Amino acid sequence: MVIDFCEGLKMSENMRFELRKQFPAEWFPEKFYGFEVGDGWLNIIKDMFEELGQISLSDEEKPFGFLQIKEKFGDLRVYSIGGNDKITKIIKNAEIKASETCDVCGRKGLKRNDGWISVRCEEHTRINML
């Protein structure tokens, strides 16, 4: 994991590869812009993916896929296409969990603004990492 306080956190290459390998390729269309979150949210994203894997779409519903999964202003943002109300609810629940989870380590965190808005535990506040 790389920490650049001007750009925020980036999920490690291994983590990104593992997520894409474990879940359906059709979830990641050609226009998928990637994961732009810290490793601390990995379990939230994995849990979300596992829940999404349990959903069946009817023939009338548009196929589901991700466009981008990122952190913005300290919030998990999941941009997707297709799906249904169940999928939307699962995504919203993941976004809520991330709002109280440190994006560095995955422990309980608070939204903080110490030059960069992020969700961090006490140990990983910017001031403690400098």
C-alpha atoms as a PDB file:
ATOM      1  CA  MET A   1       0.000   0.000   0.000  1.00  0.00           C
ATOM      2  CA  VAL A   2       1.281   3.444  -0.911  1.00  0.00           C
ATOM      3  CA  ILE A   3       0.451   6.528   1.142  1.00  0.00           C
ATOM      4  CA  ASP A   4       0.799   9.879  -0.584  1.00  0.00           C
ATOM      5  CA  PHE A   5      -0.975  12.566   1.391  1.00  0.00           C
ATOM      6  CA  CYS A   6      -1.480  14.635  -1.757  1.00  0.00           C
ATOM      7  CA  GLU A   7      -3.256  11.770  -3.492  1.00  0.00           C
ATOM      8  CA  GLY A   8      -4.534   9.605  -0.638  1.00  0.00           C
ATOM      9  CA  LEU A   9      -4.266   5.815  -0.415  1.00  0.00           C
ATOM     10  CA  LYS A  10      -3.886   3.305  -3.188  1.00  0.00           C
ATOM     11  CA  MET A  11      -4.726  -0.360  -2.794  1.00  0.00           C
ATOM     12  CA  SER A  12      -1.711  -2.581  -3.355  1.00  0.00           C
ATOM     13  CA  GLU A  13      -1.369  -4.212  -6.764  1.00  0.00           C
ATOM     14  CA  ASN A  14      -1.634  -7.701  -5.206  1.00  0.00           C
ATOM     15  CA  MET A  15      -4.923  -6.825  -3.510  1.00  0.00           C
ATOM     16  CA  ARG A  16      -6.394  -5.445  -6.740  1.00  0.00           C
ATOM     17  CA  PHE A  17      -5.319  -8.548  -8.641  1.00  0.00           C
ATOM     18  CA  GLU A  18      -6.799 -10.889  -6.012  1.00  0.00           C
ATOM     19  CA  LEU A  19     -10.165  -9.104  -6.019  1.00  0.00           C
ATOM     20  CA  ARG A  20     -10.451  -9.245  -9.790  1.00  0.00           C
ATOM     21  CA  LYS A  21      -9.366 -12.897  -9.863  1.00  0.00           C
ATOM     22  CA  GLN A  22     -11.846 -14.053  -7.186  1.00  0.00           C
ATOM     23  CA  PHE A  23     -14.985 -12.526  -8.635  1.00  0.00           C
ATOM     24  CA  PRO A  24     -16.801 -12.668 -12.004  1.00  0.00           C
ATOM     25  CA  ALA A  25     -14.931 -11.054 -14.896  1.00  0.00           C
ATOM     26  CA  GLU A  26     -18.176  -9.506 -16.177  1.00  0.00           C
ATOM     27  CA  TRP A  27     -18.268  -7.323 -13.055  1.00  0.00           C
ATOM     28  CA  PHE A  28     -15.204  -5.508 -14.414  1.00  0.00           C
ATOM     29  CA  PRO A  29     -16.045  -4.262 -17.922  1.00  0.00           C
ATOM     30  CA  GLU A  30     -13.484  -2.796 -20.261  1.00  0.00           C
ATOM     31  CA  LYS A  31     -14.279   0.668 -18.898  1.00  0.00           C
ATOM     32  CA  PHE A  32     -13.572  -0.304 -15.270  1.00  0.00           C
ATOM     33  CA  TYR A  33     -11.381   2.468 -13.869  1.00  0.00           C
ATOM     34  CA  GLY A  34     -10.070   0.434 -10.959  1.00  0.00           C
ATOM     35  CA  PHE A  35      -9.777   0.458  -7.203  1.00  0.00           C
ATOM     36  CA  GLU A  36      -8.677   3.694  -5.581  1.00  0.00           C
ATOM     37  CA  VAL A  37      -9.027   2.839  -1.902  1.00  0.00           C
ATOM     38  CA  GLY A  38      -6.705   1.818   0.903  1.00  0.00           C
ATOM     39  CA  ASP A  39      -6.133  -1.775   1.972  1.00  0.00           C
ATOM     40  CA  GLY A  40      -8.113  -1.077   5.159  1.00  0.00           C
ATOM     41  CA  TRP A  41     -11.342  -1.272   3.179  1.00  0.00           C
ATOM     42  CA  LEU A  42     -10.431  -4.556   1.471  1.00  0.00           C
ATOM     43  CA  ASN A  43     -12.618  -6.724   3.732  1.00  0.00           C
ATOM     44  CA  ILE A  44     -15.577  -4.392   3.246  1.00  0.00           C
ATOM     45  CA  ILE A  45     -15.197  -4.663  -0.514  1.00  0.00           C
ATOM     46  CA  LYS A  46     -14.727  -8.446  -0.364  1.00  0.00           C
ATOM     47  CA  ASP A  47     -17.844  -8.821   1.816  1.00  0.00           C
ATOM     48  CA  MET A  48     -19.779  -6.619  -0.605  1.00  0.00           C
ATOM     49  CA  PHE A  49     -18.603  -8.744  -3.550  1.00  0.00           C
ATOM     50  CA  GLU A  50     -19.570 -11.964  -1.765  1.00  0.00           C
ATOM     51  CA  GLU A  51     -23.057 -10.619  -1.038  1.00  0.00           C
ATOM     52  CA  LEU A  52     -23.412  -9.436  -4.630  1.00  0.00           C
ATOM     53  CA  GLY A  53     -22.468 -12.915  -5.814  1.00  0.00           C
ATOM     54  CA  GLN A  54     -25.624 -14.254  -4.131  1.00  0.00           C
ATOM     55  CA  ILE A  55     -27.925 -12.001  -6.183  1.00  0.00           C
ATOM     56  CA  SER A  56     -29.583 -13.332  -9.300  1.00  0.00           C
ATOM     57  CA  LEU A  57     -30.736 -10.912 -11.964  1.00  0.00           C
ATOM     58  CA  SER A  58     -33.897 -11.546 -13.931  1.00  0.00           C
ATOM     59  CA  ASP A  59     -33.753 -11.591 -17.713  1.00  0.00           C
ATOM     60  CA  GLU A  60     -35.382  -8.139 -17.767  1.00  0.00           C
ATOM     61  CA  GLU A  61     -32.677  -6.528 -15.620  1.00  0.00           C
ATOM     62  CA  LYS A  62     -29.549  -5.013 -17.106  1.00  0.00           C
ATOM     63  CA  PRO A  63     -26.302  -6.926 -16.430  1.00  0.00           C
ATOM     64  CA  PHE A  64     -24.368  -5.621 -13.451  1.00  0.00           C
ATOM     65  CA  GLY A  65     -20.823  -4.243 -13.508  1.00  0.00           C
ATOM     66  CA  PHE A  66     -18.532  -1.815 -11.734  1.00  0.00           C
ATOM     67  CA  LEU A  67     -17.189   1.364 -13.278  1.00  0.00           C
ATOM     68  CA  GLN A  68     -15.004   2.446 -10.362  1.00  0.00           C
ATOM     69  CA  ILE A  69     -14.497   1.821  -6.648  1.00  0.00           C
ATOM     70  CA  LYS A  70     -12.793   4.707  -4.892  1.00  0.00           C
ATOM     71  CA  GLU A  71     -12.470   6.922  -1.871  1.00  0.00           C
ATOM     72  CA  LYS A  72     -13.645  10.498  -2.231  1.00  0.00           C
ATOM     73  CA  PHE A  73     -13.824  13.002   0.625  1.00  0.00           C
ATOM     74  CA  GLY A  74     -13.424  10.143   3.090  1.00  0.00           C
ATOM     75  CA  ASP A  75     -16.330   8.130   1.692  1.00  0.00           C
ATOM     76  CA  LEU A  76     -16.346   4.857  -0.206  1.00  0.00           C
ATOM     77  CA  ARG A  77     -17.824   5.529  -3.630  1.00  0.00           C
ATOM     78  CA  VAL A  78     -18.965   2.593  -5.723  1.00  0.00           C
ATOM     79  CA  TYR A  79     -19.911   3.485  -9.270  1.00  0.00           C
ATOM     80  CA  SER A  80     -21.747   0.718 -11.098  1.00  0.00           C
ATOM     81  CA  ILE A  81     -24.067  -0.011 -13.994  1.00  0.00           C
ATOM     82  CA  GLY A  82     -27.083  -2.287 -14.209  1.00  0.00           C
ATOM     83  CA  GLY A  83     -28.349  -4.350 -11.319  1.00  0.00           C
ATOM     84  CA  ASN A  84     -31.413  -3.936  -9.130  1.00  0.00           C
ATOM     85  CA  ASP A  85     -32.569  -2.591  -5.758  1.00  0.00           C
ATOM     86  CA  LYS A  86     -30.950  -5.472  -3.830  1.00  0.00           C
ATOM     87  CA  ILE A  87     -27.585  -4.644  -5.384  1.00  0.00           C
ATOM     88  CA  THR A  88     -28.010  -0.958  -4.584  1.00  0.00           C
ATOM     89  CA  LYS A  89     -28.754  -1.823  -0.935  1.00  0.00           C
ATOM     90  CA  ILE A  90     -25.645  -4.020  -0.630  1.00  0.00           C
ATOM     91  CA  ILE A  91     -23.472  -1.261  -2.083  1.00  0.00           C
ATOM     92  CA  LYS A  92     -24.965   1.365   0.249  1.00  0.00           C
ATOM     93  CA  ASN A  93     -24.340  -0.884   3.271  1.00  0.00           C
ATOM     94  CA  ALA A  94     -20.665  -1.232   2.267  1.00  0.00           C
ATOM     95  CA  GLU A  95     -20.388   2.538   1.907  1.00  0.00           C
ATOM     96  CA  ILE A  96     -21.834   2.977   5.418  1.00  0.00           C
ATOM     97  CA  LYS A  97     -19.397   0.424   6.918  1.00  0.00           C
ATOM     98  CA  ALA A  98     -16.455   2.197   5.265  1.00  0.00           C
ATOM     99  CA  SER A  99     -17.534   5.509   6.811  1.00  0.00           C
ATOM    100  CA  GLU A 100     -16.436   4.190  10.228  1.00  0.00           C
ATOM    101  CA  THR A 101     -13.488   2.005   9.177  1.00  0.00           C
ATOM    102  CA  CYS A 102      -9.864   3.154   8.945  1.00  0.00           C
ATOM    103  CA  ASP A 103      -8.875   3.018   5.283  1.00  0.00           C
ATOM    104  CA  VAL A 104      -5.297   2.117   6.238  1.00  0.00           C
ATOM    105  CA  CYS A 105      -5.741  -0.808   8.645  1.00  0.00           C
ATOM    106  CA  GLY A 106      -9.457  -1.673   8.806  1.00  0.00           C
ATOM    107  CA  ARG A 107      -9.937  -0.864  12.491  1.00  0.00           C
ATOM    108  CA  LYS A 108     -12.655   1.445  13.816  1.00  0.00           C
ATOM    109  CA  GLY A 109     -12.065   4.962  12.535  1.00  0.00           C
ATOM    110  CA  LEU A 110     -13.508   8.454  12.364  1.00  0.00           C
ATOM    111  CA  LYS A 111     -13.767  10.833   9.463  1.00  0.00           C
ATOM    112  CA  ARG A 112     -10.956  13.322   9.916  1.00  0.00           C
ATOM    113  CA  ASN A 113      -9.754  16.390   8.086  1.00  0.00           C
ATOM    114  CA  ASP A 114      -6.068  16.764   8.724  1.00  0.00           C
ATOM    115  CA  GLY A 115      -5.224  18.169   5.313  1.00  0.00           C
ATOM    116  CA  TRP A 116      -6.951  15.295   3.539  1.00  0.00           C
ATOM    117  CA  ILE A 117     -10.460  14.092   4.427  1.00  0.00           C
ATOM    118  CA  SER A 118     -10.258  10.422   5.304  1.00  0.00           C
ATOM    119  CA  VAL A 119     -11.493   7.808   7.755  1.00  0.00           C
ATOM    120  CA  ARG A 120      -8.670   6.928  10.126  1.00  0.00           C
ATOM    121  CA  CYS A 121      -8.084   5.318  13.474  1.00  0.00           C
ATOM    122  CA  GLU A 122      -6.042   7.259  16.001  1.00  0.00           C
ATOM    123  CA  GLU A 123      -2.822   5.499  15.010  1.00  0.00           C
ATOM    124  CA  HIS A 124      -3.174   6.373  11.341  1.00  0.00           C
ATOM    125  CA  THR A 125      -4.091  10.026  11.558  1.00  0.00           C
ATOM    126  CA  ARG A 126      -1.814  12.040   9.333  1.00  0.00           C
ATOM    127  CA  ILE A 127      -0.171  13.704  12.291  1.00  0.00           C
ATOM    128  CA  ASN A 128       0.820  10.318  13.761  1.00  0.00           C
ATOM    129  CA  MET A 129       2.193   9.063  10.435  1.00  0.00           C
ATOM    130  CA  LEU A 130       4.546  11.957   9.691  1.00  0.00           C
END
